[in-house]
Protein backbone atom coordinates (compact mmCIF):
# COMPACT_ATOMS: atom_id res chain seq x y z
CA UNK A 1 34.54 49.58 1.69
CA UNK A 2 31.26 48.08 2.43
CA UNK A 3 30.27 44.39 2.00
CA UNK A 4 26.60 43.79 1.53
CA UNK A 5 24.82 40.08 1.54
CA UNK A 6 21.29 39.79 1.19
CA UNK A 7 18.69 37.41 2.68
CA UNK A 8 15.12 36.70 3.02
CA UNK A 9 14.29 35.68 -0.81
CA UNK A 10 11.90 32.28 -1.30
CA UNK A 11 8.99 31.24 -2.87
CA UNK A 12 5.48 32.80 -2.17
CA UNK A 13 2.29 32.77 -3.85
CA UNK A 14 0.77 35.52 -5.45
CA UNK A 15 -0.25 38.22 -3.12
CA UNK A 16 2.01 37.33 -0.19
CA UNK A 17 4.80 38.93 1.27
CA UNK A 18 8.62 38.73 1.89
CA UNK A 19 11.00 40.73 3.69
CA UNK A 20 14.29 41.24 2.47
CA UNK A 21 17.46 42.12 4.28
CA UNK A 22 20.84 43.43 3.46
CA UNK A 23 23.13 43.17 5.98
CA UNK A 24 26.52 45.81 5.76
CA UNK A 25 29.63 45.70 7.11
CA UNK A 26 31.83 48.98 7.12
CA UNK A 27 32.21 51.49 9.48
CA UNK A 28 30.61 54.19 7.03
CA UNK A 29 27.45 52.37 6.06
CA UNK A 30 25.56 55.22 7.74
CA UNK A 31 26.68 57.80 5.13
CA UNK A 32 25.72 55.43 2.12
CA UNK A 33 22.13 55.80 0.38
CA UNK A 34 21.01 52.33 -0.34
CA UNK A 35 18.89 50.60 -3.02
CA UNK A 36 17.29 47.86 -4.03
CA UNK A 37 17.06 46.55 -7.56
CA UNK A 38 15.94 43.25 -9.08
CA UNK A 39 17.13 41.75 -12.49
CA UNK A 40 15.66 38.56 -14.44
CA UNK A 41 18.14 36.43 -16.61
CA UNK A 42 18.63 38.08 -19.56
CA UNK A 43 17.44 41.48 -18.44
CA UNK A 44 19.12 44.64 -17.40
CA UNK A 45 18.95 45.55 -13.60
CA UNK A 46 15.87 47.40 -12.55
CA UNK A 47 15.60 50.15 -9.92
CA UNK A 48 13.02 49.46 -7.09
CA UNK A 49 13.84 51.27 -4.09
CA UNK A 50 16.12 53.67 -2.62
CA UNK A 51 16.66 55.37 1.04
CA UNK A 52 18.62 58.51 1.61
CA UNK A 53 21.84 57.59 4.44
CA UNK A 54 19.31 58.91 7.83
CA UNK A 55 16.24 57.18 6.13
CA UNK A 56 14.30 60.36 6.13
CA UNK A 57 13.82 59.83 2.52
CA UNK A 58 12.63 57.22 0.46
CA UNK A 59 12.18 56.77 -3.41
CA UNK A 60 10.36 53.71 -5.24
CA UNK A 61 9.53 52.55 -8.65
CA UNK A 62 5.91 53.22 -9.98
CA UNK A 63 5.69 49.40 -10.42
CA UNK A 64 5.96 48.67 -6.72
CA UNK A 65 4.61 51.87 -5.06
CA UNK A 66 2.42 51.12 -2.21
CA UNK A 67 3.30 47.60 -2.08
CA UNK A 68 7.16 47.88 -1.16
CA UNK A 69 8.91 49.47 1.55
CA UNK A 70 12.29 50.23 2.01
CA UNK A 71 13.76 50.81 5.67
CA UNK A 72 17.31 50.94 7.37
CA UNK A 73 18.87 50.41 10.81
CA UNK A 74 22.03 52.23 10.96
CA UNK A 75 22.94 50.79 14.51
CA UNK A 76 22.27 47.50 13.17
CA UNK A 77 24.09 48.13 9.54
CA UNK A 78 21.04 46.92 7.78
CA UNK A 79 18.71 48.20 5.27
CA UNK A 80 15.10 46.08 4.60
CA UNK A 81 12.44 45.41 1.83
CA UNK A 82 9.21 44.50 2.98
CA UNK A 83 7.20 43.32 -0.33
CA UNK A 84 3.46 43.05 0.16
CA UNK A 85 0.82 42.18 -2.86
CA UNK A 86 3.62 40.51 -4.53
CA UNK A 87 2.97 39.56 -8.44
CA UNK A 88 4.39 36.83 -10.52
CA UNK A 89 6.11 39.49 -12.91
CA UNK A 90 8.37 40.21 -9.27
CA UNK A 91 10.15 36.84 -9.75
CA UNK A 92 13.71 38.30 -9.82
CA UNK A 93 17.01 38.04 -8.39
CA UNK A 94 16.95 41.00 -5.76
CA UNK A 95 20.13 42.95 -5.16
CA UNK A 96 21.04 45.56 -2.56
CA UNK A 97 23.70 48.18 -3.58
CA UNK A 98 25.28 51.23 -1.63
CA UNK A 99 25.82 54.60 -2.81
CA UNK A 100 28.44 57.01 -1.12
CA UNK A 101 26.65 60.03 -1.99
CA UNK A 102 23.90 59.57 0.23
CA UNK A 103 21.04 61.19 -1.22
CA UNK A 104 19.05 58.38 -2.22
CA UNK A 105 18.00 59.82 -5.26
CA UNK A 106 19.90 57.59 -7.85
CA UNK A 107 18.15 55.11 -9.65
CA UNK A 108 20.70 54.07 -12.63
CA UNK A 109 22.39 50.89 -10.97
CA UNK A 110 25.97 52.35 -12.65
CA UNK A 111 25.69 55.04 -10.06
CA UNK A 112 26.21 52.38 -6.88
CA UNK A 113 29.52 51.98 -5.67
CA UNK A 114 29.08 48.50 -3.76
CA UNK A 115 26.58 45.49 -4.03
CA UNK A 116 25.76 42.36 -2.74
CA UNK A 117 25.20 38.64 -4.41
CA UNK A 118 21.72 39.03 -4.76
CA UNK A 119 18.86 36.79 -3.33
CA UNK A 120 16.03 34.79 -5.18
CA UNK A 121 12.70 35.80 -4.97
CA UNK A 122 9.88 33.54 -6.95
CA UNK A 123 6.12 34.45 -7.16
CA UNK A 124 3.95 31.39 -7.74
CA UNK A 125 0.73 32.24 -9.52
């Protein structure tokens, strides 16, 4: 089993940057693909980025490509989301998730096995 705890959210002006972190517990973390999703109240959870178990493959939603970077450190049991050039429409709760299949290609949240509690990102205009 994997437990996930996100941190790093906050209030930032449009055009600014934030780095989200997701700390994982569990000895099998390095075998899981990891994803970041976001969700606004009353809306469906939306794929942002994913990374394979080794970190060798990364995937992004078109809306964040070129601005966000996902990375992981398997020695520290952590995954990160560097967010640059933030826009007001990026105001959401951000969630990390783990997928036991490891490839990082899944974009549907129902395909992920474990979730963190989320961290709020607010981008002011």
